[in-house]
Amino acid sequence: MKLGIVLPVLNEAPGVAPRLQALAPLRERGARVVVVDGGSTDGTLALAQPWADALLAAPRGRAAQMNAGARAAATLGCDTLLFLHADTALPPDAFDAIATALNLGARWGRFDVRIEGRHPLLPMVAAFMNRRSRWSGIATGDQAVFVQRRLFEALGGFSPIPLMEDVELSARLRRLAPPACLSERVTTAGRRWDTHGFWRTVLLMWRLRAAHALGAAPVDLARRYGYRVRAGAAVAVMAKAPVPGLAKTRLMPLLGAAGAARAQRDFALRTVATARYASLGPLTLWCAPDTKHRFFRALQQRHGVACKPQPAGDLGHRMATAMDAHFKARPGMPLLIVGTDCPAITPAHLQQAADALQQHDAVLIPAEDGGYVLMGLSRPVPEVFERVDWSTERVLAQTHDRLRSAGATWRDLPALWDVDEPADWQRFQAFKASQPTAESSAAAYATLPP
């Protein structure tokens, strides 16, 4: 067994280092620890770095963070995933307990739980949780769920919902195989019971589970729980096939035709991986000249990326087609349209753009050369793609004019930079050298063909 321990964190500075140090015996037996940060501001990442095999950043939310961690664990060769909350400690024999369960035929499972806190009735709550889990086959994140990686991937990982992602995944896993309910106990902190009151928390948990069982929207449940709910959006990536002589032609004097094509491939991989790590909503790759290139086929077949052909016409017509297709299928969901030429774009940029669309009709991330690297829309605004001098320094200003004429509100986020010219390529190399973790997202797709 090659165990990957995925630990989502957010502002866990007081306890993250001791928690990770406690995993050292498992690392000595080959386990890999993947820490996924959701935007900590208290130094959590720096404290975690010495004790982690991989350190990632992902949009805030356990589902998004754990999906990102699972992909990173796959690149480390892990065949079994263990999802561990930052306030939960494993028992000393956790490695052997999981290995034994898998050797006996289990495909997934969880531990019993003990709650550590001030209230004397917390042991009763833990006992009830364990008994209910054994009866229902449903596990919670506090119980340290483990699962075969291939099974997890086959199910598509955690659903991108802000609450009950563990219960929802358990329900899907249970349909395929019963859980191994281990009697060994993890210890989880009773912080919520201590902070918000024992009976108030118990009643809230019961109400949320009942509402979930009756089909309440996860977003509403998250708000009732006290979470700040992330905005969602679909993502359309406009990508060219990495064909030598046709891809990144302005880089050919420096890299050659084949090198420029490899650069195009890598940029597309980075952008797809960034969109997947963001976990905002459905991802579609709009392919030029069509979807037949083996690079696009590999993304579709191996990683389930939806691919559609770009139509003929200028860039505005092609983006307008993506916009029309999206809003016909999902009229209430915002859309982000990105190219593949901006290696500096991160999941956080995509999340900021999705957040902006909660208040505006459009959002732009300008490019330093006068264009833009991202266009987001909360409703169809076809005017933004009309009468624009594409590939010139006038694109952003003209787009502002089109938005203004359409009566649309918009927000510009801080500018980023594209890689088009040889000087941009040198800047990209310096950027990679200064961002050692920036390669982790693209690494998940590194086995795709050239």
Protein backbone atom coordinates (compact mmCIF):
# COMPACT_ATOMS: atom_id res chain seq x y z
CA MET A 1 0.00 0.00 0.00
CA LYS A 2 1.25 3.46 -0.95
CA LEU A 3 -0.78 5.76 1.27
CA GLY A 4 -1.41 9.41 0.43
CA ILE A 5 -2.60 11.49 3.37
CA VAL A 6 -4.47 14.58 2.19
CA LEU A 7 -4.75 17.35 4.79
CA PRO A 8 -6.85 20.45 3.91
CA VAL A 9 -5.88 23.45 6.04
CA LEU A 10 -7.01 27.02 6.60
CA ASN A 11 -5.40 29.19 9.28
CA GLU A 12 -4.22 26.24 11.37
CA ALA A 13 -0.93 27.77 12.54
CA PRO A 14 -1.28 26.86 16.26
CA GLY A 15 -1.59 23.14 15.63
CA VAL A 16 -0.48 22.25 12.11
CA ALA A 17 3.17 21.46 12.88
CA PRO A 18 2.47 19.06 15.80
CA ARG A 19 -0.29 17.39 13.78
CA LEU A 20 2.06 16.82 10.86
CA GLN A 21 4.93 15.75 13.09
CA ALA A 22 2.66 13.01 14.43
CA LEU A 23 2.46 11.60 10.89
CA ALA A 24 6.23 11.03 10.72
CA PRO A 25 5.97 7.28 11.58
CA LEU A 26 3.60 6.81 8.63
CA ARG A 27 5.98 8.67 6.32
CA GLU A 28 8.74 6.31 7.44
CA ARG A 29 6.57 3.46 6.15
CA GLY A 30 6.14 5.09 2.75
CA ALA A 31 3.11 7.30 3.26
CA ARG A 32 3.11 10.69 1.56
CA VAL A 33 1.61 13.76 3.21
CA VAL A 34 -0.07 16.34 0.96
CA VAL A 35 -1.07 19.63 2.61
CA VAL A 36 -3.57 21.75 0.68
CA ASP A 37 -4.02 25.32 1.85
CA GLY A 38 -7.19 27.27 1.20
CA GLY A 39 -5.74 30.75 1.62
CA SER A 40 -4.29 30.92 5.12
CA THR A 41 -3.10 34.28 6.41
CA ASP A 42 -1.47 33.12 9.66
CA GLY A 43 1.68 31.40 8.36
CA THR A 44 0.20 27.90 8.18
CA LEU A 45 2.04 27.09 4.95
CA ALA A 46 5.48 27.99 6.29
CA LEU A 47 4.90 25.91 9.42
CA ALA A 48 3.68 22.93 7.41
CA GLN A 49 6.43 22.90 4.79
CA PRO A 50 9.08 20.89 6.70
CA TRP A 51 6.61 18.10 7.42
CA ALA A 52 4.87 17.71 4.06
CA ASP A 53 5.82 15.82 0.91
CA ALA A 54 3.73 18.20 -1.20
CA LEU A 55 2.38 21.63 -0.41
CA LEU A 56 -0.39 23.06 -2.58
CA ALA A 57 -2.70 26.05 -2.74
CA ALA A 58 -6.31 25.63 -3.82
CA PRO A 59 -9.52 27.64 -3.59
CA ARG A 60 -11.07 27.64 -0.13
CA GLY A 61 -13.42 24.76 0.59
CA ARG A 62 -12.70 21.24 1.75
CA ALA A 63 -14.05 19.59 -1.40
CA ALA A 64 -11.86 21.70 -3.70
CA GLN A 65 -8.83 21.34 -1.45
CA MET A 66 -9.17 17.58 -1.03
CA ASN A 67 -9.70 17.02 -4.76
CA ALA A 68 -6.53 19.01 -5.43
CA GLY A 69 -4.68 16.98 -2.82
CA ALA A 70 -5.89 13.71 -4.32
CA ARG A 71 -4.52 14.70 -7.73
CA ALA A 72 -1.19 15.61 -6.17
CA ALA A 73 -1.10 12.29 -4.28
CA ALA A 74 -1.61 10.50 -7.59
CA THR A 75 1.51 12.16 -9.00
CA LEU A 76 3.41 10.83 -5.96
CA GLY A 77 2.38 7.27 -6.83
CA CYS A 78 -0.15 6.81 -4.03
CA ASP A 79 -2.73 4.08 -4.59
CA THR A 80 -4.75 4.73 -1.41
CA LEU A 81 -6.03 8.08 -0.18
CA LEU A 82 -6.69 9.09 3.42
CA PHE A 83 -8.52 12.39 3.94
CA LEU A 84 -7.58 13.82 7.31
CA HIS A 85 -8.96 17.00 8.85
CA ALA A 86 -6.43 19.35 10.42
CA ASP A 87 -7.99 18.95 13.87
CA THR A 88 -8.04 15.14 13.76
CA ALA A 89 -5.28 12.81 15.00
CA LEU A 90 -4.80 9.24 13.77
CA PRO A 91 -4.33 6.30 16.12
CA PRO A 92 -0.80 4.83 16.33
CA ASP A 93 -1.78 1.71 14.35
CA ALA A 94 -3.63 3.57 11.58
CA PHE A 95 -1.34 2.36 8.78
CA ASP A 96 -1.72 -1.32 9.68
CA ALA A 97 -5.46 -0.95 10.24
CA ILE A 98 -5.99 0.47 6.76
CA ALA A 99 -3.68 -2.07 5.13
CA THR A 100 -5.47 -4.95 6.84
CA ALA A 101 -8.89 -3.67 5.76
CA LEU A 102 -7.77 -3.37 2.15
CA ASN A 103 -6.13 -6.79 2.19
CA LEU A 104 -9.44 -8.24 3.39
CA GLY A 105 -11.17 -6.81 0.34
CA ALA A 106 -12.39 -3.40 1.48
CA ARG A 107 -12.32 -0.63 -1.11
CA TRP A 108 -12.96 2.22 1.30
CA GLY A 109 -13.63 2.84 4.95
CA ARG A 110 -13.35 5.04 8.00
CA PHE A 111 -12.30 4.99 11.67
CA ASP A 112 -14.37 5.29 14.78
CA VAL A 113 -14.06 8.72 16.35
CA ARG A 114 -13.40 10.16 19.77
CA ILE A 115 -14.22 13.83 20.41
CA GLU A 116 -11.85 15.78 22.62
CA GLY A 117 -13.47 18.71 24.39
CA ARG A 118 -14.79 20.16 27.62
CA HIS A 119 -18.37 18.92 27.70
CA PRO A 120 -18.91 15.61 29.57
CA LEU A 121 -21.45 14.39 26.98
CA LEU A 122 -19.03 14.50 24.04
CA PRO A 123 -18.20 10.77 24.44
CA MET A 124 -21.91 10.06 24.02
CA VAL A 125 -21.98 12.12 20.81
CA ALA A 126 -18.97 10.19 19.47
CA ALA A 127 -20.56 6.85 20.34
CA PHE A 128 -23.75 7.87 18.55
CA MET A 129 -21.76 8.99 15.47
CA ASN A 130 -19.90 5.67 15.32
CA ARG A 131 -23.05 3.59 15.75
CA ARG A 132 -24.99 5.60 13.18
CA SER A 133 -22.11 5.28 10.70
CA ARG A 134 -21.98 1.49 11.09
CA TRP A 135 -25.72 1.25 10.57
CA SER A 136 -25.97 3.66 7.64
CA GLY A 137 -22.67 3.08 5.86
CA ILE A 138 -22.15 6.85 5.77
CA ALA A 139 -18.94 8.44 7.08
CA THR A 140 -18.10 12.00 8.02
CA GLY A 141 -14.80 13.77 7.49
CA ASP A 142 -14.05 13.63 11.21
CA GLN A 143 -13.77 9.85 10.86
CA ALA A 144 -10.76 10.01 8.49
CA VAL A 145 -12.16 8.43 5.34
CA PHE A 146 -9.78 6.28 3.27
CA VAL A 147 -10.42 5.00 -0.24
CA GLN A 148 -8.66 3.30 -3.12
CA ARG A 149 -7.43 6.06 -5.41
CA ARG A 150 -8.77 4.49 -8.60
CA LEU A 151 -12.22 4.15 -7.07
CA PHE A 152 -12.12 7.76 -5.91
CA GLU A 153 -11.10 8.91 -9.38
CA ALA A 154 -13.72 6.75 -11.08
CA LEU A 155 -16.40 8.49 -9.02
CA GLY A 156 -15.06 11.93 -9.89
CA GLY A 157 -13.84 12.75 -6.38
CA PHE A 158 -15.70 15.01 -3.99
CA SER A 159 -18.60 16.93 -5.45
CA PRO A 160 -17.89 20.70 -5.59
CA ILE A 161 -20.33 21.54 -2.79
CA PRO A 162 -19.57 23.67 0.28
CA LEU A 163 -20.89 21.27 2.93
CA MET A 164 -21.76 17.58 3.31
CA GLU A 165 -19.16 16.66 0.68
CA ASP A 166 -18.09 13.73 2.89
CA VAL A 167 -21.63 12.45 3.34
CA GLU A 168 -22.35 12.80 -0.38
CA LEU A 169 -19.17 10.92 -1.34
CA SER A 170 -19.94 8.18 1.19
CA ALA A 171 -23.37 7.69 -0.34
CA ARG A 172 -21.83 7.18 -3.78
CA LEU A 173 -19.12 4.88 -2.45
CA ARG A 174 -21.66 2.83 -0.50
CA ARG A 175 -23.55 2.00 -3.70
CA LEU A 176 -20.41 0.29 -5.02
CA ALA A 177 -18.97 -1.29 -1.89
CA PRO A 178 -19.69 -1.36 1.87
CA PRO A 179 -17.29 0.61 4.07
CA ALA A 180 -14.74 -0.93 6.40
CA CYS A 181 -15.83 0.52 9.77
CA LEU A 182 -12.62 0.32 11.79
CA SER A 183 -12.87 0.19 15.57
CA GLU A 184 -9.55 2.01 15.97
CA ARG A 185 -10.31 5.59 16.96
CA VAL A 186 -9.20 8.89 15.56
CA THR A 187 -9.33 11.85 17.94
CA THR A 188 -10.97 15.01 16.70
CA ALA A 189 -11.22 18.37 18.42
CA GLY A 190 -14.56 19.42 19.82
CA ARG A 191 -13.93 23.06 19.02
CA ARG A 192 -17.37 23.76 17.61
CA TRP A 193 -19.14 22.23 20.61
CA ASP A 194 -16.92 24.18 22.99
CA THR A 195 -17.25 27.46 21.09
CA HIS A 196 -20.91 27.47 20.08
CA GLY A 197 -22.42 25.44 22.90
CA PHE A 198 -23.00 21.72 23.20
CA TRP A 199 -26.78 21.48 22.73
CA ARG A 200 -26.89 24.22 20.13
CA THR A 201 -24.29 22.39 18.05
CA VAL A 202 -25.98 18.99 18.46
CA LEU A 203 -29.33 20.40 17.33
CA LEU A 204 -27.73 22.21 14.40
CA MET A 205 -26.02 19.01 13.24
CA TRP A 206 -29.28 17.04 13.42
CA ARG A 207 -31.16 19.72 11.50
CA LEU A 208 -28.50 19.95 8.81
CA ARG A 209 -28.38 16.18 8.30
CA ALA A 210 -32.16 16.00 8.15
CA ALA A 211 -32.31 18.88 5.68
CA HIS A 212 -29.60 17.21 3.56
CA ALA A 213 -31.54 13.94 3.54
CA LEU A 214 -34.63 15.84 2.38
CA GLY A 215 -32.74 17.37 -0.52
CA ALA A 216 -31.86 20.85 0.76
CA ALA A 217 -29.33 22.75 -1.37
CA PRO A 218 -25.75 22.36 -0.05
CA VAL A 219 -25.22 26.12 -0.42
CA ASP A 220 -28.12 26.81 1.95
CA LEU A 221 -26.82 24.22 4.41
CA ALA A 222 -23.37 25.79 4.35
CA ARG A 223 -24.77 29.21 5.14
CA ARG A 224 -26.74 27.78 8.07
CA TYR A 225 -23.55 26.11 9.29
CA GLY A 226 -21.75 29.45 9.19
CA TYR A 227 -19.56 28.96 6.12
CA ARG A 228 -18.82 31.73 3.67
CA VAL A 229 -20.02 30.15 0.44
CA ARG A 230 -17.74 30.44 -2.58
CA ALA A 231 -19.15 31.69 -5.85
CA GLY A 232 -19.19 29.18 -8.71
CA ALA A 233 -18.76 29.50 -12.46
CA ALA A 234 -18.21 27.36 -15.51
CA VAL A 235 -14.82 27.67 -17.21
CA ALA A 236 -14.23 27.66 -20.96
CA VAL A 237 -10.59 27.27 -22.03
CA MET A 238 -9.74 28.35 -25.58
CA ALA A 239 -6.85 26.15 -26.73
CA LYS A 240 -4.93 25.47 -29.93
CA ALA A 241 -3.58 22.05 -30.80
CA PRO A 242 0.19 21.77 -30.19
CA VAL A 243 1.09 21.35 -33.88
CA PRO A 244 4.69 22.25 -34.85
CA GLY A 245 4.72 25.21 -37.17
CA LEU A 246 1.23 26.36 -36.16
CA ALA A 247 1.45 26.74 -32.38
CA LYS A 248 3.13 29.67 -30.58
CA THR A 249 4.72 30.80 -33.82
CA ARG A 250 6.25 33.94 -32.30
CA LEU A 251 8.31 31.68 -30.02
CA MET A 252 9.68 29.65 -32.92
CA PRO A 253 12.80 31.82 -33.47
CA LEU A 254 13.83 30.97 -29.91
CA LEU A 255 12.45 27.45 -29.40
CA GLY A 256 12.05 26.07 -32.90
CA ALA A 257 8.79 24.68 -34.28
CA ALA A 258 8.79 21.56 -32.10
CA GLY A 259 9.80 23.50 -28.98
CA ALA A 260 7.06 26.07 -29.54
CA ALA A 261 4.52 23.26 -29.92
CA ARG A 262 5.71 21.71 -26.64
CA ALA A 263 5.32 25.11 -25.00
CA GLN A 264 1.74 25.31 -26.29
CA ARG A 265 1.02 21.85 -24.90
CA ASP A 266 2.46 22.73 -21.50
CA PHE A 267 0.57 26.02 -21.30
CA ALA A 268 -2.68 24.24 -22.13
CA LEU A 269 -1.99 21.62 -19.45
CA ARG A 270 -1.27 24.29 -16.88
CA THR A 271 -4.49 26.13 -17.69
CA VAL A 272 -6.64 23.00 -17.59
CA ALA A 273 -5.04 21.94 -14.31
CA THR A 274 -5.57 25.42 -12.85
CA ALA A 275 -9.25 25.35 -13.81
CA ARG A 276 -9.65 21.89 -12.30
CA TYR A 277 -7.91 22.90 -9.09
CA ALA A 278 -10.25 25.88 -8.84
CA SER A 279 -13.23 23.48 -8.75
CA LEU A 280 -15.64 26.29 -9.59
CA GLY A 281 -17.91 24.37 -11.94
CA PRO A 282 -17.98 22.56 -15.30
CA LEU A 283 -14.85 22.80 -17.45
CA THR A 284 -14.96 22.80 -21.25
CA LEU A 285 -11.93 22.85 -23.54
CA TRP A 286 -12.70 24.62 -26.82
CA CYS A 287 -10.24 23.11 -29.29
CA ALA A 288 -8.75 24.58 -32.46
CA PRO A 289 -8.87 23.58 -35.19
CA ASP A 290 -10.95 20.64 -33.89
CA THR A 291 -10.94 17.91 -31.23
CA LYS A 292 -9.12 15.27 -33.31
CA HIS A 293 -5.55 15.95 -32.17
CA ARG A 294 -4.30 13.18 -29.87
CA PHE A 295 -3.50 15.75 -27.18
CA PHE A 296 -7.17 16.70 -26.94
CA ARG A 297 -8.26 13.07 -27.17
CA ALA A 298 -5.97 12.18 -24.28
CA LEU A 299 -7.35 14.95 -22.10
CA GLN A 300 -10.86 13.77 -22.88
CA GLN A 301 -10.29 10.03 -22.49
CA ARG A 302 -7.86 9.95 -19.56
CA HIS A 303 -9.04 12.92 -17.54
CA GLY A 304 -12.66 13.40 -18.57
CA VAL A 305 -12.18 16.93 -19.89
CA ALA A 306 -15.13 17.94 -22.06
CA CYS A 307 -13.85 19.01 -25.49
CA LYS A 308 -15.68 20.96 -28.18
CA PRO A 309 -14.39 22.24 -31.54
CA GLN A 310 -13.90 25.95 -32.04
CA PRO A 311 -15.75 27.28 -35.10
CA ALA A 312 -14.10 29.12 -37.94
CA GLY A 313 -13.84 32.88 -37.60
CA ASP A 314 -11.97 35.43 -35.56
CA LEU A 315 -11.33 35.14 -31.84
CA GLY A 316 -14.42 37.17 -31.00
CA HIS A 317 -16.69 34.82 -32.94
CA ARG A 318 -15.10 31.79 -31.31
CA MET A 319 -15.53 33.18 -27.79
CA ALA A 320 -19.08 34.26 -28.59
CA THR A 321 -19.83 30.68 -29.63
CA ALA A 322 -18.54 29.41 -26.31
CA MET A 323 -20.66 32.03 -24.51
CA ASP A 324 -23.83 31.13 -26.43
CA ALA A 325 -23.38 27.39 -25.87
CA HIS A 326 -22.83 27.88 -22.17
CA PHE A 327 -25.78 30.14 -21.42
CA LYS A 328 -28.15 27.98 -23.48
CA ALA A 329 -27.17 24.96 -21.37
CA ARG A 330 -26.75 26.70 -18.00
CA PRO A 331 -28.54 30.07 -18.08
CA GLY A 332 -28.11 30.77 -14.37
CA MET A 333 -24.40 29.97 -14.08
CA PRO A 334 -21.67 32.56 -14.75
CA LEU A 335 -18.96 31.78 -17.30
CA LEU A 336 -15.21 32.43 -17.28
CA ILE A 337 -13.40 32.36 -20.63
CA VAL A 338 -9.62 32.00 -20.51
CA GLY A 339 -6.85 31.39 -22.98
CA THR A 340 -3.75 29.29 -22.40
CA ASP A 341 -1.06 31.96 -22.75
CA CYS A 342 -0.97 33.20 -19.14
CA PRO A 343 1.08 30.87 -16.88
CA ALA A 344 0.72 33.25 -13.93
CA ILE A 345 -3.02 32.70 -13.58
CA THR A 346 -3.93 30.70 -10.48
CA PRO A 347 -7.04 29.08 -8.97
CA ALA A 348 -7.29 32.15 -6.72
CA HIS A 349 -7.56 34.43 -9.78
CA LEU A 350 -10.42 32.31 -11.10
CA GLN A 351 -12.15 32.43 -7.73
CA GLN A 352 -11.77 36.23 -7.55
CA ALA A 353 -13.30 36.51 -11.00
CA ALA A 354 -16.22 34.28 -10.02
CA ASP A 355 -16.73 36.37 -6.88
CA ALA A 356 -16.80 39.57 -8.94
CA LEU A 357 -19.59 38.17 -11.10
CA GLN A 358 -21.84 38.07 -8.05
CA GLN A 359 -22.03 41.87 -8.30
CA HIS A 360 -21.23 42.65 -11.95
CA ASP A 361 -22.24 41.61 -15.45
CA ALA A 362 -18.63 41.11 -16.49
CA VAL A 363 -15.14 40.80 -15.10
CA LEU A 364 -11.78 41.14 -16.84
CA ILE A 365 -8.22 40.27 -15.97
CA PRO A 366 -6.28 42.65 -18.21
CA ALA A 367 -3.06 41.64 -19.91
CA GLU A 368 -0.06 43.93 -19.73
CA ASP A 369 0.04 44.10 -23.54
CA GLY A 370 -3.38 45.80 -23.77
CA GLY A 371 -5.58 42.73 -24.12
CA TYR A 372 -7.03 40.50 -21.46
CA VAL A 373 -6.29 36.99 -20.17
CA LEU A 374 -9.77 36.32 -18.77
CA MET A 375 -13.28 37.44 -19.58
CA GLY A 376 -16.10 36.54 -17.20
CA LEU A 377 -19.82 37.04 -17.79
CA SER A 378 -22.80 36.57 -15.51
CA ARG A 379 -25.18 36.93 -18.47
CA PRO A 380 -24.82 36.96 -22.25
CA VAL A 381 -23.26 40.20 -23.52
CA PRO A 382 -22.52 39.47 -27.21
CA GLU A 383 -21.42 43.06 -27.86
CA VAL A 384 -18.09 42.48 -26.07
CA PHE A 385 -16.91 40.24 -28.91
CA GLU A 386 -17.94 42.51 -31.78
CA ARG A 387 -15.81 45.07 -33.67
CA VAL A 388 -12.65 44.40 -31.62
CA ASP A 389 -9.16 44.63 -33.12
CA TRP A 390 -7.91 41.32 -31.78
CA SER A 391 -4.20 40.80 -31.03
CA THR A 392 -3.60 44.53 -30.65
CA GLU A 393 -3.03 46.84 -27.71
CA ARG A 394 -6.55 48.26 -28.29
CA VAL A 395 -8.44 45.14 -27.20
CA LEU A 396 -9.03 46.05 -23.56
CA ALA A 397 -10.09 49.64 -24.25
CA GLN A 398 -12.45 48.54 -27.01
CA THR A 399 -13.93 45.86 -24.76
CA HIS A 400 -14.59 48.51 -22.11
CA ASP A 401 -16.36 50.58 -24.77
CA ARG A 402 -18.52 47.61 -25.80
CA LEU A 403 -19.47 46.88 -22.18
CA ARG A 404 -20.34 50.52 -21.62
CA SER A 405 -22.49 50.66 -24.77
CA ALA A 406 -24.32 47.48 -23.70
CA GLY A 407 -25.16 49.01 -20.32
CA ALA A 408 -23.16 46.30 -18.54
CA THR A 409 -21.33 46.71 -15.27
CA TRP A 410 -17.86 45.27 -14.97
CA ARG A 411 -14.79 45.02 -12.79
CA ASP A 412 -11.14 44.88 -13.80
CA LEU A 413 -8.90 42.73 -11.62
CA PRO A 414 -5.12 43.30 -11.41
CA ALA A 415 -3.32 42.75 -14.70
CA LEU A 416 -1.28 39.65 -15.55
CA TRP A 417 1.05 38.84 -18.43
CA ASP A 418 0.97 36.57 -21.49
CA VAL A 419 3.75 34.55 -23.04
CA ASP A 420 3.86 35.49 -26.73
CA GLU A 421 7.35 36.76 -27.52
CA PRO A 422 10.86 35.41 -26.72
CA ALA A 423 11.22 38.03 -23.97
CA ASP A 424 8.02 36.68 -22.40
CA TRP A 425 9.51 33.20 -22.46
CA GLN A 426 12.52 34.37 -20.49
CA ARG A 427 10.18 35.99 -17.98
CA PHE A 428 8.29 32.71 -17.71
CA GLN A 429 11.50 30.80 -16.94
CA ALA A 430 12.33 33.27 -14.16
CA PHE A 431 8.76 32.95 -12.87
CA LYS A 432 9.05 29.15 -12.68
CA ALA A 433 12.33 29.40 -10.83
CA SER A 434 10.78 31.70 -8.24
CA GLN A 435 7.62 29.58 -7.81
CA PRO A 436 8.78 26.03 -7.03
CA THR A 437 5.25 24.82 -6.29
CA ALA A 438 3.78 26.30 -9.45
CA GLU A 439 4.53 23.11 -11.38
CA SER A 440 2.46 20.88 -9.11
CA SER A 441 -0.82 21.50 -10.95
CA ALA A 442 0.54 20.78 -14.42
CA ALA A 443 2.43 17.75 -13.11
CA ALA A 444 -0.87 15.92 -12.69
CA TYR A 445 -1.12 15.82 -16.50
CA ALA A 446 2.56 15.32 -17.30
CA THR A 447 2.03 11.77 -18.64
CA LEU A 448 -0.09 12.96 -21.56
CA PRO A 449 1.41 12.48 -25.04
CA PRO A 450 3.21 15.37 -26.76
